[in-house]
Structure formats: structure tokens, C-alpha cells
Amino acid sequence: MAAGYNPIAVESAWYDWWLEQGFFKPQLASDGKPKPQGLFVIPAPPPNVTGSLHIGHALTTALQDTLIRWNRMLGKTVLFAPGFDHAGISTQSVVEKRLYKTSGKTRHDLGRDAFLETVMDWKNEWVIFYTFFRACISCTESLPATKVG
């Protein structure tokens, strides 16, 4: 037996199976509409691409995940929809500071297209969305093309 909890070993054994079973998808009534018990939705914007995950993200996600699970246990149609970066201004600020610190240039020196490419490189460097999604066990990974509600 392992000396401590190893999330990588646990996830590798269970996570793909949970996805295959559809445990994170909203459960609808037989007519394809939300269950009569009600509908509960949390749109969850992930952390900004301005840095790494921290305890504040863990607390928020834990509370949201708890509410999602509770409402599932109440029999409701539940959707925990992970979103995308919601703080473009702060991301721009972080990238601009980094750009100036590393090259002495501003976004104006680069021009719009080159600066946007620099921002995308920064975003890809952090790859926070996947980390956030894996930490957020009850998130709905892929949504149906139809609207819930």
C-alpha cells in the first residue's frame, strides 16, 4: 500500500472511465428537457492566464464542486460549465510587463499582430485550462449542441 495519496495513480485508473460513463454530463429527462426537480448551472471561469493556480482557485473550485454535487444528489439537471480566460486586460498587463522586462519593448513597438502572437505564446506557456479542468472533477467537459433550459 502506498504511503500517501497519489492523485496521478487514482486519476489514471478512474478519470477516463468517469468520462466514458458520462458522469459529468447534465442528466436530462426522457424528453430531453431538464428534470422536473429543477436546473442548476454554474458557469466557471478558470484562472486567468496571468499566473499559476493557487489556494484561492482551489477554494473557489471546491465550493462550486460541492454545490454541483449537492444539486446532483437532489436530482436536478446540473451543468458545471468550464469557461475561458475572462480577464484580458490583466493578461495584457502581465504580458506587457514581461515583454518590457525581457526586451525593453512595448506593445506599440511590436504592433498589434506581433503583440497578439506574444500574448498567445504566453497563454500556451501556462496551459492553465487543462489543469483547472482536471482539478474541477464535476465540470462538464463537452456540452451537447442543444441548449439546456
N, C-alpha and C. Protein backbone atom coordinates (compact mmCIF):
# COMPACT_ATOMS: atom_id res chain seq x y z
N MET A 1 0.85 -1.18 0.00
CA MET A 1 0.00 0.00 0.00
C MET A 1 0.89 1.24 0.00
N ALA A 2 0.46 2.25 -0.75
CA ALA A 2 1.24 3.48 -0.84
C ALA A 2 1.22 4.22 0.49
N ALA A 3 2.30 4.97 0.74
CA ALA A 3 2.42 5.72 1.99
C ALA A 3 1.47 6.91 2.03
N GLY A 4 1.11 7.44 0.86
CA GLY A 4 0.22 8.60 0.81
C GLY A 4 -0.64 8.56 -0.44
N TYR A 5 -1.56 9.48 -0.51
CA TYR A 5 -2.46 9.56 -1.66
C TYR A 5 -1.70 10.03 -2.88
N ASN A 6 -1.85 9.33 -3.99
CA ASN A 6 -1.19 9.68 -5.24
C ASN A 6 -2.27 9.98 -6.28
N PRO A 7 -2.61 11.26 -6.49
CA PRO A 7 -3.70 11.60 -7.41
C PRO A 7 -3.47 11.13 -8.84
N ILE A 8 -2.22 11.09 -9.27
CA ILE A 8 -1.94 10.65 -10.63
C ILE A 8 -2.33 9.18 -10.81
N ALA A 9 -2.00 8.36 -9.84
CA ALA A 9 -2.37 6.94 -9.92
C ALA A 9 -3.88 6.77 -9.87
N VAL A 10 -4.54 7.52 -9.02
CA VAL A 10 -6.00 7.41 -8.89
C VAL A 10 -6.68 7.89 -10.17
N GLU A 11 -6.26 9.05 -10.67
CA GLU A 11 -6.88 9.59 -11.88
C GLU A 11 -6.66 8.69 -13.09
N SER A 12 -5.46 8.17 -13.22
CA SER A 12 -5.20 7.32 -14.39
C SER A 12 -6.07 6.08 -14.36
N ALA A 13 -6.45 5.64 -13.19
CA ALA A 13 -7.29 4.45 -13.08
C ALA A 13 -8.78 4.75 -13.26
N TRP A 14 -9.23 5.94 -12.93
CA TRP A 14 -10.65 6.23 -12.90
C TRP A 14 -11.14 7.31 -13.85
N TYR A 15 -10.38 8.34 -14.07
CA TYR A 15 -10.88 9.54 -14.76
C TYR A 15 -11.44 9.25 -16.15
N ASP A 16 -10.70 8.51 -16.97
CA ASP A 16 -11.19 8.20 -18.32
C ASP A 16 -12.49 7.42 -18.26
N TRP A 17 -12.60 6.51 -17.30
CA TRP A 17 -13.82 5.73 -17.15
C TRP A 17 -14.99 6.64 -16.76
N TRP A 18 -14.75 7.60 -15.87
CA TRP A 18 -15.80 8.55 -15.48
C TRP A 18 -16.30 9.32 -16.70
N LEU A 19 -15.34 9.75 -17.56
CA LEU A 19 -15.72 10.48 -18.77
C LEU A 19 -16.55 9.58 -19.69
N GLU A 20 -16.08 8.33 -19.91
CA GLU A 20 -16.80 7.40 -20.78
C GLU A 20 -18.22 7.13 -20.28
N GLN A 21 -18.40 7.10 -18.99
CA GLN A 21 -19.71 6.84 -18.41
C GLN A 21 -20.63 8.05 -18.43
N GLY A 22 -20.07 9.21 -18.79
CA GLY A 22 -20.88 10.43 -18.87
C GLY A 22 -21.24 11.03 -17.52
N PHE A 23 -20.45 10.75 -16.50
CA PHE A 23 -20.77 11.24 -15.16
C PHE A 23 -20.77 12.76 -15.04
N PHE A 24 -20.10 13.46 -15.95
CA PHE A 24 -20.02 14.91 -15.85
C PHE A 24 -21.02 15.62 -16.75
N LYS A 25 -21.78 14.86 -17.52
CA LYS A 25 -22.76 15.46 -18.42
C LYS A 25 -24.07 15.72 -17.68
N PRO A 26 -24.78 16.77 -18.07
CA PRO A 26 -26.07 17.01 -17.42
C PRO A 26 -27.05 15.88 -17.73
N GLN A 27 -27.75 15.43 -16.72
CA GLN A 27 -28.74 14.37 -16.89
C GLN A 27 -30.09 15.01 -17.19
N LEU A 28 -30.67 14.65 -18.31
CA LEU A 28 -31.94 15.23 -18.74
C LEU A 28 -33.07 14.22 -18.55
N ALA A 29 -34.29 14.72 -18.58
CA ALA A 29 -35.47 13.85 -18.53
C ALA A 29 -35.57 13.11 -19.87
N SER A 30 -36.44 12.13 -19.96
CA SER A 30 -36.56 11.32 -21.18
C SER A 30 -36.96 12.13 -22.40
N ASP A 31 -37.61 13.29 -22.19
CA ASP A 31 -37.99 14.14 -23.31
C ASP A 31 -36.87 15.09 -23.74
N GLY A 32 -35.69 14.96 -23.11
CA GLY A 32 -34.54 15.79 -23.47
C GLY A 32 -34.51 17.14 -22.78
N LYS A 33 -35.45 17.39 -21.91
CA LYS A 33 -35.51 18.67 -21.18
C LYS A 33 -34.97 18.46 -19.76
N PRO A 34 -34.70 19.57 -19.05
CA PRO A 34 -34.24 19.42 -17.66
C PRO A 34 -35.24 18.63 -16.83
N LYS A 35 -34.73 17.92 -15.84
CA LYS A 35 -35.57 17.12 -14.95
C LYS A 35 -36.57 18.00 -14.21
N PRO A 36 -37.71 17.43 -13.81
CA PRO A 36 -38.71 18.22 -13.08
C PRO A 36 -38.20 18.74 -11.73
N GLN A 37 -37.17 18.11 -11.18
CA GLN A 37 -36.63 18.55 -9.89
C GLN A 37 -35.96 19.92 -9.99
N GLY A 38 -35.64 20.34 -11.22
CA GLY A 38 -35.05 21.66 -11.39
C GLY A 38 -33.75 21.63 -12.18
N LEU A 39 -33.22 22.80 -12.38
CA LEU A 39 -32.00 23.00 -13.15
C LEU A 39 -31.03 23.82 -12.30
N PHE A 40 -29.77 23.40 -12.28
CA PHE A 40 -28.74 24.14 -11.53
C PHE A 40 -27.52 24.25 -12.42
N VAL A 41 -27.07 25.48 -12.68
CA VAL A 41 -25.94 25.73 -13.58
C VAL A 41 -24.94 26.66 -12.91
N ILE A 42 -23.67 26.31 -13.01
CA ILE A 42 -22.60 27.22 -12.59
C ILE A 42 -21.65 27.39 -13.77
N PRO A 43 -21.55 28.61 -14.32
CA PRO A 43 -20.50 28.87 -15.30
C PRO A 43 -19.23 29.16 -14.52
N ALA A 44 -18.18 28.45 -14.81
CA ALA A 44 -16.96 28.56 -14.01
C ALA A 44 -15.81 29.11 -14.83
N PRO A 45 -15.58 30.42 -14.76
CA PRO A 45 -14.41 30.94 -15.46
C PRO A 45 -13.15 30.42 -14.78
N PRO A 46 -12.21 29.90 -15.55
CA PRO A 46 -10.99 29.40 -14.95
C PRO A 46 -10.07 30.55 -14.55
N PRO A 47 -8.96 30.24 -13.91
CA PRO A 47 -8.00 31.28 -13.57
C PRO A 47 -7.51 32.00 -14.82
N ASN A 48 -7.10 33.22 -14.65
CA ASN A 48 -6.56 33.98 -15.77
C ASN A 48 -5.24 33.36 -16.21
N VAL A 49 -4.81 33.72 -17.40
CA VAL A 49 -3.53 33.22 -17.88
C VAL A 49 -2.38 34.06 -17.36
N THR A 50 -2.62 34.77 -16.25
CA THR A 50 -1.59 35.65 -15.70
C THR A 50 -0.68 34.95 -14.70
N GLY A 51 -0.91 33.72 -14.40
CA GLY A 51 -0.08 33.03 -13.43
C GLY A 51 -0.55 31.61 -13.20
N SER A 52 -0.03 30.99 -12.18
CA SER A 52 -0.36 29.60 -11.91
C SER A 52 -1.51 29.49 -10.91
N LEU A 53 -2.02 28.28 -10.77
CA LEU A 53 -3.10 28.04 -9.82
C LEU A 53 -2.63 28.28 -8.40
N HIS A 54 -3.52 28.77 -7.54
CA HIS A 54 -3.16 28.99 -6.15
C HIS A 54 -4.31 28.57 -5.25
N ILE A 55 -4.18 28.74 -3.95
CA ILE A 55 -5.15 28.25 -2.98
C ILE A 55 -6.53 28.90 -3.16
N GLY A 56 -6.57 30.14 -3.63
CA GLY A 56 -7.85 30.79 -3.89
C GLY A 56 -8.64 30.07 -4.97
N HIS A 57 -7.95 29.62 -6.02
CA HIS A 57 -8.61 28.85 -7.06
C HIS A 57 -9.12 27.53 -6.49
N ALA A 58 -8.33 26.90 -5.67
CA ALA A 58 -8.72 25.61 -5.08
C ALA A 58 -9.96 25.78 -4.21
N LEU A 59 -10.01 26.83 -3.41
CA LEU A 59 -11.16 27.06 -2.54
C LEU A 59 -12.42 27.32 -3.36
N THR A 60 -12.33 28.21 -4.34
CA THR A 60 -13.49 28.52 -5.17
C THR A 60 -13.99 27.27 -5.88
N THR A 61 -13.07 26.52 -6.48
CA THR A 61 -13.45 25.32 -7.21
C THR A 61 -14.07 24.28 -6.28
N ALA A 62 -13.51 24.14 -5.08
CA ALA A 62 -14.05 23.16 -4.12
C ALA A 62 -15.48 23.53 -3.74
N LEU A 63 -15.75 24.81 -3.52
CA LEU A 63 -17.10 25.25 -3.16
C LEU A 63 -18.07 25.03 -4.33
N GLN A 64 -17.65 25.38 -5.52
CA GLN A 64 -18.50 25.19 -6.69
C GLN A 64 -18.77 23.70 -6.92
N ASP A 65 -17.73 22.89 -6.80
CA ASP A 65 -17.86 21.45 -7.00
C ASP A 65 -18.83 20.86 -5.96
N THR A 66 -18.75 21.34 -4.73
CA THR A 66 -19.65 20.87 -3.67
C THR A 66 -21.11 21.21 -4.00
N LEU A 67 -21.35 22.44 -4.45
CA LEU A 67 -22.71 22.84 -4.83
C LEU A 67 -23.23 22.00 -5.99
N ILE A 68 -22.37 21.73 -6.96
CA ILE A 68 -22.76 20.91 -8.11
C ILE A 68 -23.14 19.51 -7.66
N ARG A 69 -22.30 18.90 -6.84
CA ARG A 69 -22.58 17.53 -6.37
C ARG A 69 -23.85 17.49 -5.53
N TRP A 70 -24.05 18.48 -4.66
CA TRP A 70 -25.25 18.52 -3.82
C TRP A 70 -26.51 18.59 -4.69
N ASN A 71 -26.49 19.46 -5.69
CA ASN A 71 -27.65 19.60 -6.55
C ASN A 71 -27.88 18.36 -7.41
N ARG A 72 -26.82 17.65 -7.78
CA ARG A 72 -26.99 16.36 -8.47
C ARG A 72 -27.68 15.37 -7.54
N MET A 73 -27.27 15.35 -6.28
CA MET A 73 -27.88 14.43 -5.32
C MET A 73 -29.35 14.77 -5.08
N LEU A 74 -29.72 16.03 -5.28
CA LEU A 74 -31.12 16.43 -5.14
C LEU A 74 -31.94 16.03 -6.38
N GLY A 75 -31.26 15.48 -7.38
CA GLY A 75 -31.94 15.00 -8.57
C GLY A 75 -32.09 16.02 -9.69
N LYS A 76 -31.46 17.16 -9.57
CA LYS A 76 -31.60 18.21 -10.57
C LYS A 76 -30.75 17.93 -11.80
N THR A 77 -31.12 18.57 -12.91
CA THR A 77 -30.25 18.60 -14.08
C THR A 77 -29.18 19.64 -13.77
N VAL A 78 -27.93 19.21 -13.80
CA VAL A 78 -26.84 20.06 -13.34
C VAL A 78 -25.81 20.24 -14.44
N LEU A 79 -25.32 21.45 -14.56
CA LEU A 79 -24.27 21.75 -15.53
C LEU A 79 -23.21 22.63 -14.86
N PHE A 80 -22.00 22.14 -14.85
CA PHE A 80 -20.85 22.91 -14.36
C PHE A 80 -19.98 23.15 -15.58
N ALA A 81 -20.15 24.30 -16.19
CA ALA A 81 -19.54 24.59 -17.49
C ALA A 81 -18.24 25.37 -17.33
N PRO A 82 -17.10 24.73 -17.60
CA PRO A 82 -15.85 25.47 -17.55
C PRO A 82 -15.80 26.49 -18.67
N GLY A 83 -15.30 27.68 -18.37
CA GLY A 83 -15.23 28.74 -19.36
C GLY A 83 -13.80 28.97 -19.82
N PHE A 84 -13.56 30.16 -20.28
CA PHE A 84 -12.24 30.53 -20.76
C PHE A 84 -11.78 31.79 -20.03
N ASP A 85 -10.55 32.18 -20.27
CA ASP A 85 -9.98 33.35 -19.59
C ASP A 85 -10.94 34.53 -19.70
N HIS A 86 -11.17 35.18 -18.59
CA HIS A 86 -12.13 36.27 -18.54
C HIS A 86 -11.48 37.60 -18.17
N ALA A 87 -10.18 37.66 -18.22
CA ALA A 87 -9.50 38.88 -17.77
C ALA A 87 -8.43 39.30 -18.76
N GLY A 88 -8.88 39.65 -19.94
CA GLY A 88 -7.95 40.03 -20.99
C GLY A 88 -7.09 41.23 -20.64
N ILE A 89 -7.64 42.17 -19.90
CA ILE A 89 -6.88 43.38 -19.55
C ILE A 89 -5.72 43.02 -18.63
N SER A 90 -5.98 42.20 -17.61
CA SER A 90 -4.89 41.83 -16.70
C SER A 90 -3.87 40.95 -17.42
N THR A 91 -4.33 40.12 -18.33
CA THR A 91 -3.40 39.30 -19.12
C THR A 91 -2.51 40.21 -19.96
N GLN A 92 -3.12 41.18 -20.61
CA GLN A 92 -2.35 42.13 -21.42
C GLN A 92 -1.31 42.83 -20.57
N SER A 93 -1.69 43.25 -19.38
CA SER A 93 -0.78 43.95 -18.48
C SER A 93 0.42 43.08 -18.11
N VAL A 94 0.16 41.82 -17.76
CA VAL A 94 1.24 40.92 -17.38
C VAL A 94 2.18 40.69 -18.57
N VAL A 95 1.61 40.47 -19.75
CA VAL A 95 2.44 40.22 -20.93
C VAL A 95 3.24 41.46 -21.29
N GLU A 96 2.63 42.65 -21.19
CA GLU A 96 3.35 43.89 -21.49
C GLU A 96 4.53 44.09 -20.54
N LYS A 97 4.33 43.84 -19.25
CA LYS A 97 5.42 43.98 -18.27
C LYS A 97 6.54 43.00 -18.57
N ARG A 98 6.14 41.76 -18.88
CA ARG A 98 7.15 40.73 -19.19
C ARG A 98 7.92 41.10 -20.46
N LEU A 99 7.20 41.59 -21.47
CA LEU A 99 7.83 41.99 -22.73
C LEU A 99 8.85 43.10 -22.49
N TYR A 100 8.47 44.10 -21.70
CA TYR A 100 9.38 45.22 -21.44
C TYR A 100 10.59 44.77 -20.63
N LYS A 101 10.34 43.90 -19.66
CA LYS A 101 11.43 43.41 -18.81
C LYS A 101 12.43 42.57 -19.59
N THR A 102 11.93 41.75 -20.53
CA THR A 102 12.83 40.85 -21.27
C THR A 102 13.45 41.48 -22.51
N SER A 103 12.75 42.47 -23.12
CA SER A 103 13.28 43.01 -24.38
C SER A 103 13.38 44.53 -24.44
N GLY A 104 12.80 45.20 -23.43
CA GLY A 104 12.80 46.66 -23.45
C GLY A 104 11.83 47.24 -24.46
N LYS A 105 10.93 46.40 -24.99
CA LYS A 105 9.96 46.86 -25.98
C LYS A 105 8.57 46.95 -25.37
N THR A 106 7.71 47.74 -26.04
CA THR A 106 6.31 47.85 -25.64
C THR A 106 5.45 47.19 -26.71
N ARG A 107 4.17 47.08 -26.42
CA ARG A 107 3.26 46.50 -27.41
C ARG A 107 3.20 47.37 -28.66
N HIS A 108 3.40 48.67 -28.49
CA HIS A 108 3.38 49.59 -29.63
C HIS A 108 4.59 49.35 -30.53
N ASP A 109 5.73 48.98 -29.92
CA ASP A 109 6.92 48.66 -30.72
C ASP A 109 6.67 47.43 -31.58
N LEU A 110 5.94 46.45 -31.04
CA LEU A 110 5.68 45.22 -31.78
C LEU A 110 4.61 45.36 -32.84
N GLY A 111 3.61 46.16 -32.56
CA GLY A 111 2.44 46.22 -33.44
C GLY A 111 1.40 45.20 -32.99
N ARG A 112 0.18 45.40 -33.44
CA ARG A 112 -0.95 44.60 -32.97
C ARG A 112 -0.76 43.10 -33.20
N ASP A 113 -0.48 42.69 -34.43
CA ASP A 113 -0.39 41.26 -34.75
C ASP A 113 0.72 40.57 -33.99
N ALA A 114 1.89 41.18 -33.93
CA ALA A 114 3.01 40.57 -33.21
C ALA A 114 2.73 40.52 -31.70
N PHE A 115 2.08 41.55 -31.18
CA PHE A 115 1.75 41.54 -29.75
C PHE A 115 0.73 40.45 -29.44
N LEU A 116 -0.29 40.30 -30.27
CA LEU A 116 -1.27 39.23 -30.07
C LEU A 116 -0.60 37.85 -30.11
N GLU A 117 0.36 37.70 -30.99
CA GLU A 117 1.10 36.44 -31.05
C GLU A 117 1.89 36.22 -29.75
N THR A 118 2.46 37.28 -29.21
CA THR A 118 3.18 37.21 -27.93
C THR A 118 2.23 36.81 -26.80
N VAL A 119 1.03 37.38 -26.79
CA VAL A 119 0.03 37.03 -25.78
C VAL A 119 -0.34 35.56 -25.90
N MET A 120 -0.55 35.08 -27.11
CA MET A 120 -0.92 33.67 -27.31
C MET A 120 0.23 32.74 -26.88
N ASP A 121 1.46 33.14 -27.14
CA ASP A 121 2.61 32.34 -26.67
C ASP A 121 2.60 32.25 -25.15
N TRP A 122 2.30 33.38 -24.49
CA TRP A 122 2.23 33.40 -23.02
C TRP A 122 1.13 32.47 -22.53
N LYS A 123 -0.04 32.55 -23.16
CA LYS A 123 -1.18 31.70 -22.79
C LYS A 123 -0.79 30.23 -22.93
N ASN A 124 -0.18 29.88 -24.05
CA ASN A 124 0.19 28.49 -24.30
C ASN A 124 1.25 27.99 -23.33
N GLU A 125 2.06 28.92 -22.84
CA GLU A 125 3.10 28.57 -21.87
C GLU A 125 2.49 28.12 -20.55
N TRP A 126 1.35 28.71 -20.18
CA TRP A 126 0.76 28.41 -18.88
C TRP A 126 -0.19 27.22 -18.91
N VAL A 127 -0.86 26.98 -19.99
CA VAL A 127 -1.78 25.83 -20.16
C VAL A 127 -2.59 25.58 -18.88
N ILE A 128 -3.24 26.62 -18.40
CA ILE A 128 -3.98 26.51 -17.15
C ILE A 128 -5.33 25.80 -17.34
N PHE A 129 -5.95 25.96 -18.50
CA PHE A 129 -7.30 25.42 -18.65
C PHE A 129 -7.35 23.93 -18.35
N TYR A 130 -6.43 23.14 -18.89
CA TYR A 130 -6.45 21.70 -18.67
C TYR A 130 -6.24 21.37 -17.19
N THR A 131 -5.31 22.06 -16.56
CA THR A 131 -5.05 21.84 -15.14
C THR A 131 -6.30 22.16 -14.33
N PHE A 132 -6.94 23.27 -14.66
CA PHE A 132 -8.16 23.67 -13.95
C PHE A 132 -9.25 22.64 -14.15
N PHE A 133 -9.43 22.20 -15.38
CA PHE A 133 -10.49 21.25 -15.67
C PHE A 133 -10.27 19.95 -14.89
N ARG A 134 -9.05 19.45 -14.85
CA ARG A 134 -8.78 18.21 -14.14
C ARG A 134 -9.01 18.37 -12.63
N ALA A 135 -8.75 19.57 -12.11
CA ALA A 135 -8.96 19.82 -10.68
C ALA A 135 -10.44 19.95 -10.36
N CYS A 136 -11.22 20.26 -11.34
CA CYS A 136 -12.63 20.55 -11.18
C CYS A 136 -13.43 19.31 -11.58
N ILE A 137 -13.45 18.31 -10.73
CA ILE A 137 -13.91 16.98 -11.09
C ILE A 137 -15.32 16.96 -11.68
N SER A 138 -16.20 17.82 -11.23
CA SER A 138 -17.58 17.77 -11.70
C SER A 138 -17.86 18.60 -12.94
N CYS A 139 -16.83 19.18 -13.56
CA CYS A 139 -17.05 20.01 -14.74
C CYS A 139 -17.54 19.16 -15.91
N THR A 140 -18.35 19.78 -16.73
CA THR A 140 -18.84 19.13 -17.94
C THR A 140 -17.84 19.42 -19.04
N GLU A 141 -17.15 18.37 -19.51
CA GLU A 141 -16.07 18.57 -20.47
C GLU A 141 -16.59 18.98 -21.85
N SER A 142 -17.58 18.27 -22.36
CA SER A 142 -18.11 18.62 -23.67
C SER A 142 -19.62 18.76 -23.55
N LEU A 143 -20.11 19.82 -24.11
CA LEU A 143 -21.53 20.11 -23.99
C LEU A 143 -22.27 19.68 -25.24
N PRO A 144 -23.51 19.26 -25.10
CA PRO A 144 -24.29 18.92 -26.29
C PRO A 144 -24.57 20.17 -27.11
N ALA A 145 -24.87 19.98 -28.38
CA ALA A 145 -25.13 21.12 -29.25
C ALA A 145 -26.44 21.81 -28.88
N THR A 146 -27.31 21.12 -28.16
CA THR A 146 -28.59 21.71 -27.78
C THR A 146 -28.45 22.50 -26.51
N LYS A 147 -29.29 23.48 -26.36
CA LYS A 147 -29.29 24.34 -25.17
C LYS A 147 -30.01 23.63 -24.03
N VAL A 148 -29.45 23.71 -22.85
CA VAL A 148 -30.09 23.14 -21.65
C VAL A 148 -30.90 24.25 -21.01
N GLY A 149 -32.22 24.04 -20.86
CA GLY A 149 -33.03 25.03 -20.13
C GLY A 149 -34.04 25.73 -20.95
